[in-house]
């Protein structure tokens, strides 16, 4: 099923350069925890500038970055209620809309980065868009957050090395299911609490998306990095349904700049991951890159995680997972 926005909007966005301006200036407030100097902050700043350019200043995005509008859960709730116009958030708070939203972040879901990108941009709106719209938000594009890696105080070479450890995980059923499969004590924790928890020994290790984890300095307190790439976290830029219903067709087309620009963010994030890990390694940080055999052992130890996520999510989770499986087949390995 196609959503209200993903019906060729990327194409229509390109055509709006020559379109007539709207009759009055519209300003939409966008909330995000993304630091303004981060790849995500820079990307959304560029998108906002492009929207203002193509609209001739008739549509502007007021960026509330650096958690000015609260944490991600707060931002998403406020957007669903119409108190914010656009949420730019990761997949973790999206489970507030429905636990089925955790499925795309299940461990080892995709066979390759290319397959994951194809499913995300070619199929995911059809799978999840209706769920989001029914919860009060309309997806404009998907936000790449990147692949998870492990940060630990001691070297982790095999899943057996996790025995007895306390691992910081995101408050997500997808993360909890993997922690259970790996036999590690998963401690759900917000990002701001993780560094102090590692310093005090409240947790022994953490997993984060590569760029984010390095960006907040996790490797400085948990200096062993294991490149498991065990899951891929996505997110969204989504507009409030209440705001969407008030916009003109022209304004909706201008917001298509988000849609057109999404793949560029993915390209930048995924391209930066190996480069940044290489910089850590060159700086003396132990970075363990798994051999094919080691990667296979980590993946095998997570067998059954997707089924556990589906069972925990309930509702239409199995149907969502089936549609993602169909999308994977369509995209190829």
C-alpha atoms as a PDB file:
ATOM      1  CA  UNK A   1       0.000   0.000   0.000  1.00  0.00           C
ATOM      2  CA  UNK A   2       1.341   3.410  -0.866  1.00  0.00           C
ATOM      3  CA  UNK A   3       1.304   6.127   1.752  1.00  0.00           C
ATOM      4  CA  UNK A   4      -0.075   9.604   1.272  1.00  0.00           C
ATOM      5  CA  UNK A   5       3.332  11.029   0.514  1.00  0.00           C
ATOM      6  CA  UNK A   6       5.437   8.313  -1.105  1.00  0.00           C
ATOM      7  CA  UNK A   7       3.727   8.428  -4.514  1.00  0.00           C
ATOM      8  CA  UNK A   8       6.463   9.862  -6.629  1.00  0.00           C
ATOM      9  CA  UNK A   9       7.115  12.834  -4.388  1.00  0.00           C
ATOM     10  CA  UNK A  10      10.841  12.741  -5.025  1.00  0.00           C
ATOM     11  CA  UNK A  11      10.141  13.324  -8.691  1.00  0.00           C
ATOM     12  CA  UNK A  12       7.602  16.031  -8.013  1.00  0.00           C
ATOM     13  CA  UNK A  13      10.059  17.799  -5.711  1.00  0.00           C
ATOM     14  CA  UNK A  14      12.432  18.282  -8.605  1.00  0.00           C
ATOM     15  CA  UNK A  15       9.650  19.779 -10.690  1.00  0.00           C
ATOM     16  CA  UNK A  16       8.731  22.394  -8.116  1.00  0.00           C
ATOM     17  CA  UNK A  17      11.720  24.563  -8.917  1.00  0.00           C
ATOM     18  CA  UNK A  18       9.599  26.231 -11.565  1.00  0.00           C
ATOM     19  CA  UNK A  19       6.322  26.039  -9.652  1.00  0.00           C
ATOM     20  CA  UNK A  20       4.328  29.052  -8.532  1.00  0.00           C
ATOM     21  CA  UNK A  21       4.948  30.093  -4.919  1.00  0.00           C
ATOM     22  CA  UNK A  22       2.383  29.551  -2.197  1.00  0.00           C
ATOM     23  CA  UNK A  23       0.240  32.492  -1.230  1.00  0.00           C
ATOM     24  CA  UNK A  24       1.774  33.014   2.230  1.00  0.00           C
ATOM     25  CA  UNK A  25       4.923  32.075   4.129  1.00  0.00           C
ATOM     26  CA  UNK A  26       4.697  28.858   6.143  1.00  0.00           C
ATOM     27  CA  UNK A  27       7.148  27.976   8.924  1.00  0.00           C
ATOM     28  CA  UNK A  28       7.332  24.388  10.197  1.00  0.00           C
ATOM     29  CA  UNK A  29       9.139  23.470  13.418  1.00  0.00           C
ATOM     30  CA  UNK A  30      11.368  20.380  13.272  1.00  0.00           C
ATOM     31  CA  UNK A  31      12.606  18.717  16.452  1.00  0.00           C
ATOM     32  CA  UNK A  32      15.666  16.465  16.739  1.00  0.00           C
ATOM     33  CA  UNK A  33      18.290  15.461  19.273  1.00  0.00           C
ATOM     34  CA  UNK A  34      20.884  15.482  16.473  1.00  0.00           C
ATOM     35  CA  UNK A  35      23.776  17.822  17.285  1.00  0.00           C
ATOM     36  CA  UNK A  36      23.914  20.645  14.774  1.00  0.00           C
ATOM     37  CA  UNK A  37      27.507  19.753  13.883  1.00  0.00           C
ATOM     38  CA  UNK A  38      26.819  16.036  13.376  1.00  0.00           C
ATOM     39  CA  UNK A  39      26.247  14.403   9.965  1.00  0.00           C
ATOM     40  CA  UNK A  40      22.524  14.311  10.730  1.00  0.00           C
ATOM     41  CA  UNK A  41      22.440  17.931  11.829  1.00  0.00           C
ATOM     42  CA  UNK A  42      24.339  19.054   8.747  1.00  0.00           C
ATOM     43  CA  UNK A  43      22.111  16.989   6.453  1.00  0.00           C
ATOM     44  CA  UNK A  44      18.826  18.333   7.819  1.00  0.00           C
ATOM     45  CA  UNK A  45      20.232  21.871   7.778  1.00  0.00           C
ATOM     46  CA  UNK A  46      20.995  21.405   4.081  1.00  0.00           C
ATOM     47  CA  UNK A  47      17.508  20.041   3.434  1.00  0.00           C
ATOM     48  CA  UNK A  48      15.928  23.014   5.193  1.00  0.00           C
ATOM     49  CA  UNK A  49      18.023  25.424   3.120  1.00  0.00           C
ATOM     50  CA  UNK A  50      17.030  23.634  -0.101  1.00  0.00           C
ATOM     51  CA  UNK A  51      13.336  23.783   0.783  1.00  0.00           C
ATOM     52  CA  UNK A  52      13.581  27.504   1.413  1.00  0.00           C
ATOM     53  CA  UNK A  53      15.409  27.904  -1.904  1.00  0.00           C
ATOM     54  CA  UNK A  54      13.001  25.927  -4.089  1.00  0.00           C
ATOM     55  CA  UNK A  55       9.988  27.547  -2.431  1.00  0.00           C
ATOM     56  CA  UNK A  56      11.327  31.044  -2.909  1.00  0.00           C
ATOM     57  CA  UNK A  57      11.169  31.531   0.847  1.00  0.00           C
ATOM     58  CA  UNK A  58       7.486  30.584   1.054  1.00  0.00           C
ATOM     59  CA  UNK A  59       8.183  27.433   3.093  1.00  0.00           C
ATOM     60  CA  UNK A  60      10.763  27.439   5.863  1.00  0.00           C
ATOM     61  CA  UNK A  61      11.878  24.815   8.371  1.00  0.00           C
ATOM     62  CA  UNK A  62      12.694  26.084  11.862  1.00  0.00           C
ATOM     63  CA  UNK A  63      15.291  23.608  13.129  1.00  0.00           C
ATOM     64  CA  UNK A  64      15.220  22.734  16.840  1.00  0.00           C
ATOM     65  CA  UNK A  65      18.360  20.596  16.953  1.00  0.00           C
ATOM     66  CA  UNK A  66      20.602  19.642  19.894  1.00  0.00           C
ATOM     67  CA  UNK A  67      17.586  18.298  21.839  1.00  0.00           C
ATOM     68  CA  UNK A  68      16.068  21.777  22.137  1.00  0.00           C
ATOM     69  CA  UNK A  69      12.610  20.184  21.863  1.00  0.00           C
ATOM     70  CA  UNK A  70      13.390  17.379  24.337  1.00  0.00           C
ATOM     71  CA  UNK A  71      14.462  13.767  23.934  1.00  0.00           C
ATOM     72  CA  UNK A  72      13.380  11.643  20.986  1.00  0.00           C
ATOM     73  CA  UNK A  73      10.361  10.189  22.750  1.00  0.00           C
ATOM     74  CA  UNK A  74       9.139  13.679  23.627  1.00  0.00           C
ATOM     75  CA  UNK A  75       9.750  14.944  20.099  1.00  0.00           C
ATOM     76  CA  UNK A  76       7.766  12.105  18.562  1.00  0.00           C
ATOM     77  CA  UNK A  77       4.873  12.463  21.001  1.00  0.00           C
ATOM     78  CA  UNK A  78       4.698  16.209  20.409  1.00  0.00           C
ATOM     79  CA  UNK A  79       4.702  15.675  16.654  1.00  0.00           C
ATOM     80  CA  UNK A  80       1.931  13.086  16.797  1.00  0.00           C
ATOM     81  CA  UNK A  81      -0.121  15.586  18.825  1.00  0.00           C
ATOM     82  CA  UNK A  82       0.583  18.384  16.352  1.00  0.00           C
ATOM     83  CA  UNK A  83       2.576  20.493  18.795  1.00  0.00           C
ATOM     84  CA  UNK A  84       5.669  20.022  16.621  1.00  0.00           C
ATOM     85  CA  UNK A  85       5.412  19.867  12.853  1.00  0.00           C
ATOM     86  CA  UNK A  86       8.233  17.461  11.985  1.00  0.00           C
ATOM     87  CA  UNK A  87      10.104  14.815  13.984  1.00  0.00           C
ATOM     88  CA  UNK A  88      13.600  13.794  12.910  1.00  0.00           C
ATOM     89  CA  UNK A  89      14.213  10.737  15.088  1.00  0.00           C
ATOM     90  CA  UNK A  90      15.752   7.280  15.147  1.00  0.00           C
ATOM     91  CA  UNK A  91      13.849   4.020  15.071  1.00  0.00           C
ATOM     92  CA  UNK A  92      13.920   3.537  18.858  1.00  0.00           C
ATOM     93  CA  UNK A  93      11.170   6.072  19.713  1.00  0.00           C
ATOM     94  CA  UNK A  94       9.156   4.955  16.676  1.00  0.00           C
ATOM     95  CA  UNK A  95       8.189   1.895  18.685  1.00  0.00           C
ATOM     96  CA  UNK A  96       6.027   4.282  20.721  1.00  0.00           C
ATOM     97  CA  UNK A  97       3.744   4.312  17.690  1.00  0.00           C
ATOM     98  CA  UNK A  98       3.728   0.541  17.409  1.00  0.00           C
ATOM     99  CA  UNK A  99       6.089  -2.213  18.527  1.00  0.00           C
ATOM    100  CA  UNK A 100       6.005  -3.461  14.930  1.00  0.00           C
ATOM    101  CA  UNK A 101       8.275  -0.537  14.111  1.00  0.00           C
ATOM    102  CA  UNK A 102      11.130  -2.398  15.844  1.00  0.00           C
ATOM    103  CA  UNK A 103      11.260  -5.111  13.183  1.00  0.00           C
ATOM    104  CA  UNK A 104      13.519  -3.252  10.681  1.00  0.00           C
ATOM    105  CA  UNK A 105      16.166  -3.006  13.427  1.00  0.00           C
ATOM    106  CA  UNK A 106      16.150  -6.702  14.307  1.00  0.00           C
ATOM    107  CA  UNK A 107      19.613  -8.229  14.392  1.00  0.00           C
ATOM    108  CA  UNK A 108      20.990  -9.635  11.134  1.00  0.00           C
ATOM    109  CA  UNK A 109      17.800  -8.799   9.262  1.00  0.00           C
ATOM    110  CA  UNK A 110      19.518  -7.823   6.023  1.00  0.00           C
ATOM    111  CA  UNK A 111      21.925  -9.896   3.965  1.00  0.00           C
ATOM    112  CA  UNK A 112      23.997  -6.915   2.832  1.00  0.00           C
ATOM    113  CA  UNK A 113      24.131  -3.127   3.205  1.00  0.00           C
ATOM    114  CA  UNK A 114      22.908  -2.800  -0.379  1.00  0.00           C
ATOM    115  CA  UNK A 115      19.857  -4.933   0.334  1.00  0.00           C
ATOM    116  CA  UNK A 116      19.083  -2.921   3.461  1.00  0.00           C
ATOM    117  CA  UNK A 117      19.277   0.338   1.524  1.00  0.00           C
ATOM    118  CA  UNK A 118      17.022  -0.991  -1.218  1.00  0.00           C
ATOM    119  CA  UNK A 119      14.412  -2.238   1.250  1.00  0.00           C
ATOM    120  CA  UNK A 120      14.512   1.033   3.180  1.00  0.00           C
ATOM    121  CA  UNK A 121      14.011   3.415   0.284  1.00  0.00           C
ATOM    122  CA  UNK A 122      12.083   1.281  -2.172  1.00  0.00           C
ATOM    123  CA  UNK A 123       9.740  -0.661   0.095  1.00  0.00           C
ATOM    124  CA  UNK A 124       9.669   0.452   3.729  1.00  0.00           C
ATOM    125  CA  UNK A 125       7.137   3.243   3.277  1.00  0.00           C
ATOM    126  CA  UNK A 126       4.686   0.725   1.865  1.00  0.00           C
ATOM    127  CA  UNK A 127       5.259  -1.578   4.833  1.00  0.00           C
ATOM    128  CA  UNK A 128       5.279   0.917   7.704  1.00  0.00           C
ATOM    129  CA  UNK A 129       3.692   4.066   6.298  1.00  0.00           C
ATOM    130  CA  UNK A 130       0.114   3.146   7.171  1.00  0.00           C
ATOM    131  CA  UNK A 131       1.103   2.270  10.742  1.00  0.00           C
ATOM    132  CA  UNK A 132       2.748   5.662  11.142  1.00  0.00           C
ATOM    133  CA  UNK A 133      -0.128   7.578   9.565  1.00  0.00           C
ATOM    134  CA  UNK A 134      -2.643   5.854  11.823  1.00  0.00           C
ATOM    135  CA  UNK A 135      -0.508   6.985  14.770  1.00  0.00           C
ATOM    136  CA  UNK A 136      -0.513  10.604  13.635  1.00  0.00           C
ATOM    137  CA  UNK A 137       2.664  11.086  11.585  1.00  0.00           C
ATOM    138  CA  UNK A 138       3.377  10.900   7.855  1.00  0.00           C
ATOM    139  CA  UNK A 139       6.864   9.726   6.789  1.00  0.00           C
ATOM    140  CA  UNK A 140       8.747  12.104   4.518  1.00  0.00           C
ATOM    141  CA  UNK A 141      11.897   9.994   4.291  1.00  0.00           C
ATOM    142  CA  UNK A 142      13.939   7.474   6.237  1.00  0.00           C
ATOM    143  CA  UNK A 143      16.931   8.531   8.309  1.00  0.00           C
ATOM    144  CA  UNK A 144      20.101   6.469   8.203  1.00  0.00           C
ATOM    145  CA  UNK A 145      21.653   5.998  11.627  1.00  0.00           C
ATOM    146  CA  UNK A 146      24.032   3.206  10.722  1.00  0.00           C
ATOM    147  CA  UNK A 147      25.368  -0.163  11.794  1.00  0.00           C
ATOM    148  CA  UNK A 148      25.729  -1.228  15.406  1.00  0.00           C
ATOM    149  CA  UNK A 149      29.163  -2.074  16.826  1.00  0.00           C
ATOM    150  CA  UNK A 150      30.220  -3.122  20.315  1.00  0.00           C
ATOM    151  CA  UNK A 151      32.229  -0.924  22.683  1.00  0.00           C
ATOM    152  CA  UNK A 152      33.714  -2.802  25.651  1.00  0.00           C
ATOM    153  CA  UNK A 153      36.320  -2.530  28.397  1.00  0.00           C
ATOM    154  CA  UNK A 154      37.802  -5.910  27.488  1.00  0.00           C
ATOM    155  CA  UNK A 155      38.295  -7.478  24.067  1.00  0.00           C
ATOM    156  CA  UNK A 156      35.309  -9.372  22.643  1.00  0.00           C
ATOM    157  CA  UNK A 157      36.201 -11.863  19.926  1.00  0.00           C
ATOM    158  CA  UNK A 158      33.398 -14.417  20.202  1.00  0.00           C
ATOM    159  CA  UNK A 159      29.832 -14.401  21.574  1.00  0.00           C
ATOM    160  CA  UNK A 160      31.094 -16.496  24.491  1.00  0.00           C
ATOM    161  CA  UNK A 161      33.101 -13.482  25.645  1.00  0.00           C
ATOM    162  CA  UNK A 162      29.813 -11.771  26.503  1.00  0.00           C
ATOM    163  CA  UNK A 163      29.016 -14.220  29.309  1.00  0.00           C
ATOM    164  CA  UNK A 164      28.436 -12.403  32.569  1.00  0.00           C
ATOM    165  CA  UNK A 165      28.686  -8.917  31.077  1.00  0.00           C
ATOM    166  CA  UNK A 166      26.227  -6.096  31.575  1.00  0.00           C
ATOM    167  CA  UNK A 167      25.564  -4.464  28.195  1.00  0.00           C
ATOM    168  CA  UNK A 168      23.963  -1.094  27.578  1.00  0.00           C
ATOM    169  CA  UNK A 169      21.200  -1.523  25.015  1.00  0.00           C
ATOM    170  CA  UNK A 170      18.589   0.825  23.633  1.00  0.00           C
ATOM    171  CA  UNK A 171      15.095   0.593  25.183  1.00  0.00           C
ATOM    172  CA  UNK A 172      13.845  -1.495  22.274  1.00  0.00           C
ATOM    173  CA  UNK A 173      12.393  -4.975  22.002  1.00  0.00           C
ATOM    174  CA  UNK A 174      14.800  -5.628  19.122  1.00  0.00           C
ATOM    175  CA  UNK A 175      17.817  -4.911  21.332  1.00  0.00           C
ATOM    176  CA  UNK A 176      16.361  -6.859  24.250  1.00  0.00           C
ATOM    177  CA  UNK A 177      15.776  -9.909  22.063  1.00  0.00           C
ATOM    178  CA  UNK A 178      19.385  -9.908  20.883  1.00  0.00           C
ATOM    179  CA  UNK A 179      20.736  -9.483  24.411  1.00  0.00           C
ATOM    180  CA  UNK A 180      18.722 -12.519  25.482  1.00  0.00           C
ATOM    181  CA  UNK A 181      19.980 -14.560  22.528  1.00  0.00           C
ATOM    182  CA  UNK A 182      23.573 -13.629  23.252  1.00  0.00           C
ATOM    183  CA  UNK A 183      23.191 -14.432  26.959  1.00  0.00           C
ATOM    184  CA  UNK A 184      24.232 -10.962  28.049  1.00  0.00           C
ATOM    185  CA  UNK A 185      22.466  -8.882  30.676  1.00  0.00           C
ATOM    186  CA  UNK A 186      20.911  -6.122  28.617  1.00  0.00           C
ATOM    187  CA  UNK A 187      20.491  -2.831  30.488  1.00  0.00           C
ATOM    188  CA  UNK A 188      18.127  -0.459  28.646  1.00  0.00           C
ATOM    189  CA  UNK A 189      19.588   3.008  28.916  1.00  0.00           C
ATOM    190  CA  UNK A 190      19.402   6.401  27.271  1.00  0.00           C
ATOM    191  CA  UNK A 191      22.449   7.677  25.455  1.00  0.00           C
ATOM    192  CA  UNK A 192      23.228  10.438  27.942  1.00  0.00           C
ATOM    193  CA  UNK A 193      23.492   7.920  30.793  1.00  0.00           C
ATOM    194  CA  UNK A 194      25.789   5.466  29.042  1.00  0.00           C
ATOM    195  CA  UNK A 195      29.199   7.123  29.448  1.00  0.00           C
ATOM    196  CA  UNK A 196      28.733   7.624  33.225  1.00  0.00           C
ATOM    197  CA  UNK A 197      27.492   4.027  33.518  1.00  0.00           C
ATOM    198  CA  UNK A 198      30.601   2.731  31.762  1.00  0.00           C
ATOM    199  CA  UNK A 199      32.817   4.889  33.974  1.00  0.00           C
ATOM    200  CA  UNK A 200      31.237   3.637  37.195  1.00  0.00           C
ATOM    201  CA  UNK A 201      30.993   0.003  36.140  1.00  0.00           C
ATOM    202  CA  UNK A 202      27.204  -0.041  36.059  1.00  0.00           C
ATOM    203  CA  UNK A 203      27.660  -1.597  32.630  1.00  0.00           C
ATOM    204  CA  UNK A 204      30.686  -3.291  31.078  1.00  0.00           C
ATOM    205  CA  UNK A 205      29.950  -2.642  27.437  1.00  0.00           C
ATOM    206  CA  UNK A 206      27.544  -0.935  25.074  1.00  0.00           C
ATOM    207  CA  UNK A 207      26.376  -1.145  21.518  1.00  0.00           C
ATOM    208  CA  UNK A 208      25.755   1.943  19.456  1.00  0.00           C
ATOM    209  CA  UNK A 209      25.574   2.878  15.788  1.00  0.00           C
ATOM    210  CA  UNK A 210      29.185   3.356  14.682  1.00  0.00           C
ATOM    211  CA  UNK A 211      29.277   7.093  14.006  1.00  0.00           C
ATOM    212  CA  UNK A 212      27.121   8.001  16.973  1.00  0.00           C
ATOM    213  CA  UNK A 213      29.047   5.839  19.428  1.00  0.00           C
ATOM    214  CA  UNK A 214      32.386   7.230  18.326  1.00  0.00           C
ATOM    215  CA  UNK A 215      30.979  10.742  18.161  1.00  0.00           C
ATOM    216  CA  UNK A 216      30.002  10.747  21.849  1.00  0.00           C
ATOM    217  CA  UNK A 217      33.364   9.262  22.828  1.00  0.00           C
ATOM    218  CA  UNK A 218      32.281   5.780  23.913  1.00  0.00           C
ATOM    219  CA  UNK A 219      35.654   4.376  22.831  1.00  0.00           C
ATOM    220  CA  UNK A 220      37.374   6.576  25.422  1.00  0.00           C
ATOM    221  CA  UNK A 221      35.792   4.688  28.321  1.00  0.00           C
ATOM    222  CA  UNK A 222      35.213   1.334  26.569  1.00  0.00           C
ATOM    223  CA  UNK A 223      38.270   1.204  24.314  1.00  0.00           C
ATOM    224  CA  UNK A 224      37.739  -2.134  22.582  1.00  0.00           C
ATOM    225  CA  UNK A 225      35.592  -1.900  19.448  1.00  0.00           C
ATOM    226  CA  UNK A 226      34.186  -5.056  17.869  1.00  0.00           C
ATOM    227  CA  UNK A 227      32.764  -4.455  14.403  1.00  0.00           C
ATOM    228  CA  UNK A 228      29.813  -6.830  14.558  1.00  0.00           C
ATOM    229  CA  UNK A 229      27.553  -4.681  12.339  1.00  0.00           C
ATOM    230  CA  UNK A 230      24.846  -6.832  13.888  1.00  0.00           C
ATOM    231  CA  UNK A 231      21.919  -4.513  13.181  1.00  0.00           C
ATOM    232  CA  UNK A 232      21.181  -1.376  11.223  1.00  0.00           C
ATOM    233  CA  UNK A 233      19.311   1.453  12.872  1.00  0.00           C
ATOM    234  CA  UNK A 234      17.113   3.648  10.748  1.00  0.00           C
ATOM    235  CA  UNK A 235      14.803   6.479  11.641  1.00  0.00           C
ATOM    236  CA  UNK A 236      12.558   8.964   9.943  1.00  0.00           C
ATOM    237  CA  UNK A 237      11.752  12.537   9.166  1.00  0.00           C
ATOM    238  CA  UNK A 238       7.992  12.517   9.651  1.00  0.00           C
ATOM    239  CA  UNK A 239       5.460  15.327   9.554  1.00  0.00           C
ATOM    240  CA  UNK A 240       2.517  15.577  11.924  1.00  0.00           C
ATOM    241  CA  UNK A 241      -0.712  14.352  10.334  1.00  0.00           C
ATOM    242  CA  UNK A 242      -2.385  17.476  11.683  1.00  0.00           C
ATOM    243  CA  UNK A 243       0.187  19.691   9.978  1.00  0.00           C
ATOM    244  CA  UNK A 244       0.079  17.627   6.787  1.00  0.00           C
ATOM    245  CA  UNK A 245      -3.674  18.041   6.457  1.00  0.00           C
ATOM    246  CA  UNK A 246      -3.306  21.836   6.536  1.00  0.00           C
ATOM    247  CA  UNK A 247      -0.574  22.098   3.907  1.00  0.00           C
ATOM    248  CA  UNK A 248      -1.284  22.985   0.305  1.00  0.00           C
ATOM    249  CA  UNK A 249      -0.389  20.545  -2.461  1.00  0.00           C
ATOM    250  CA  UNK A 250       2.472  22.861  -3.384  1.00  0.00           C
ATOM    251  CA  UNK A 251       3.859  22.848   0.152  1.00  0.00           C
ATOM    252  CA  UNK A 252       3.648  19.053   0.267  1.00  0.00           C
ATOM    253  CA  UNK A 253       5.643  18.901  -2.938  1.00  0.00           C
ATOM    254  CA  UNK A 254       8.302  21.170  -1.490  1.00  0.00           C
ATOM    255  CA  UNK A 255       8.652  18.815   1.463  1.00  0.00           C
ATOM    256  CA  UNK A 256       9.579  16.204  -1.124  1.00  0.00           C
ATOM    257  CA  UNK A 257      13.121  17.572  -0.826  1.00  0.00           C
ATOM    258  CA  UNK A 258      13.353  15.364   2.275  1.00  0.00           C
ATOM    259  CA  UNK A 259      12.410  12.321   0.213  1.00  0.00           C
ATOM    260  CA  UNK A 260      14.880  13.073  -2.551  1.00  0.00           C
ATOM    261  CA  UNK A 261      17.734  13.736  -0.108  1.00  0.00           C
ATOM    262  CA  UNK A 262      17.322  10.634   2.097  1.00  0.00           C
ATOM    263  CA  UNK A 263      19.586   8.293   0.094  1.00  0.00           C
ATOM    264  CA  UNK A 264      22.391  10.873   0.214  1.00  0.00           C
ATOM    265  CA  UNK A 265      22.370  10.687   4.011  1.00  0.00           C
ATOM    266  CA  UNK A 266      22.645   6.908   3.842  1.00  0.00           C
ATOM    267  CA  UNK A 267      25.524   7.148   1.397  1.00  0.00           C
ATOM    268  CA  UNK A 268      27.348   9.545   3.684  1.00  0.00           C
ATOM    269  CA  UNK A 269      26.783   7.611   6.928  1.00  0.00           C
ATOM    270  CA  UNK A 270      27.656   4.169   5.566  1.00  0.00           C
ATOM    271  CA  UNK A 271      30.633   5.557   3.697  1.00  0.00           C
ATOM    272  CA  UNK A 272      31.988   7.239   6.824  1.00  0.00           C
ATOM    273  CA  UNK A 273      31.771   4.139   9.044  1.00  0.00           C
ATOM    274  CA  UNK A 274      34.889   2.284   7.803  1.00  0.00           C
ATOM    275  CA  UNK A 275      36.829   5.531   7.490  1.00  0.00           C
ATOM    276  CA  UNK A 276      36.111   6.520  11.083  1.00  0.00           C
ATOM    277  CA  UNK A 277      36.917   3.048  12.399  1.00  0.00           C
ATOM    278  CA  UNK A 278      40.186   3.256  10.492  1.00  0.00           C
ATOM    279  CA  UNK A 279      40.993   6.539  12.205  1.00  0.00           C
ATOM    280  CA  UNK A 280      40.406   4.958  15.607  1.00  0.00           C
ATOM    281  CA  UNK A 281      42.643   2.038  14.712  1.00  0.00           C
ATOM    282  CA  UNK A 282      45.381   4.392  13.500  1.00  0.00           C
ATOM    283  CA  UNK A 283      45.104   6.231  16.806  1.00  0.00           C
ATOM    284  CA  UNK A 284      45.783   3.065  18.794  1.00  0.00           C
ATOM    285  CA  UNK A 285      42.238   2.038  19.669  1.00  0.00           C
ATOM    286  CA  UNK A 286      41.841  -1.767  19.385  1.00  0.00           C
ATOM    287  CA  UNK A 287      39.338  -2.331  16.552  1.00  0.00           C
ATOM    288  CA  UNK A 288      38.449  -5.954  15.922  1.00  0.00           C
ATOM    289  CA  UNK A 289      37.118  -6.530  12.409  1.00  0.00           C
ATOM    290  CA  UNK A 290      35.488  -9.934  12.185  1.00  0.00           C
ATOM    291  CA  UNK A 291      36.646 -12.553   9.727  1.00  0.00           C
ATOM    292  CA  UNK A 292      33.887 -14.258   7.711  1.00  0.00           C
ATOM    293  CA  UNK A 293      34.062 -17.216  10.075  1.00  0.00           C
ATOM    294  CA  UNK A 294      33.822 -15.021  13.160  1.00  0.00           C
ATOM    295  CA  UNK A 295      30.964 -13.010  11.673  1.00  0.00           C
ATOM    296  CA  UNK A 296      29.144 -16.278  10.968  1.00  0.00           C
ATOM    297  CA  UNK A 297      29.541 -17.356  14.579  1.00  0.00           C
ATOM    298  CA  UNK A 298      28.106 -14.077  15.895  1.00  0.00           C
ATOM    299  CA  UNK A 299      25.176 -14.329  13.499  1.00  0.00           C
ATOM    300  CA  UNK A 300      24.517 -17.976  14.365  1.00  0.00           C
ATOM    301  CA  UNK A 301      24.382 -17.097  18.047  1.00  0.00           C
ATOM    302  CA  UNK A 302      21.498 -14.717  17.283  1.00  0.00           C
ATOM    303  CA  UNK A 303      19.288 -17.370  15.685  1.00  0.00           C
ATOM    304  CA  UNK A 304      15.627 -16.854  16.559  1.00  0.00           C
ATOM    305  CA  UNK A 305      15.912 -13.141  17.356  1.00  0.00           C
ATOM    306  CA  UNK A 306      13.506 -12.042  14.616  1.00  0.00           C
ATOM    307  CA  UNK A 307      10.909 -14.557  15.806  1.00  0.00           C
ATOM    308  CA  UNK A 308      11.299 -13.238  19.345  1.00  0.00           C
ATOM    309  CA  UNK A 309      10.776  -9.656  18.185  1.00  0.00           C
ATOM    310  CA  UNK A 310       7.670 -10.670  16.223  1.00  0.00           C
ATOM    311  CA  UNK A 311       6.240 -12.504  19.216  1.00  0.00           C
ATOM    312  CA  UNK A 312       6.911  -9.595  21.575  1.00  0.00           C
ATOM    313  CA  UNK A 313       5.497  -7.007  19.162  1.00  0.00           C
ATOM    314  CA  UNK A 314       2.274  -8.924  18.535  1.00  0.00           C
ATOM    315  CA  UNK A 315      -0.469  -7.340  16.454  1.00  0.00           C
ATOM    316  CA  UNK A 316       0.383  -7.412  12.751  1.00  0.00           C
ATOM    317  CA  UNK A 317       4.079  -8.003  13.369  1.00  0.00           C
ATOM    318  CA  UNK A 318       4.188 -11.262  11.435  1.00  0.00           C
ATOM    319  CA  UNK A 319       2.578  -9.596   8.418  1.00  0.00           C
ATOM    320  CA  UNK A 320       5.096  -6.745   8.620  1.00  0.00           C
ATOM    321  CA  UNK A 321       7.976  -9.227   8.787  1.00  0.00           C
ATOM    322  CA  UNK A 322       6.565 -11.168   5.835  1.00  0.00           C
ATOM    323  CA  UNK A 323       6.358  -8.010   3.744  1.00  0.00           C
ATOM    324  CA  UNK A 324       9.937  -7.111   4.618  1.00  0.00           C
ATOM    325  CA  UNK A 325      10.978 -10.620   3.576  1.00  0.00           C
ATOM    326  CA  UNK A 326       9.224 -10.065   0.248  1.00  0.00           C
ATOM    327  CA  UNK A 327      11.017  -6.751  -0.135  1.00  0.00           C
ATOM    328  CA  UNK A 328      14.364  -8.428   0.564  1.00  0.00           C
ATOM    329  CA  UNK A 329      13.657 -10.986  -2.130  1.00  0.00           C
ATOM    330  CA  UNK A 330      12.743  -8.221  -4.570  1.00  0.00           C
ATOM    331  CA  UNK A 331      15.940  -6.338  -3.783  1.00  0.00           C
ATOM    332  CA  UNK A 332      18.204  -9.375  -3.999  1.00  0.00           C
ATOM    333  CA  UNK A 333      21.176 -10.225  -1.798  1.00  0.00           C
END
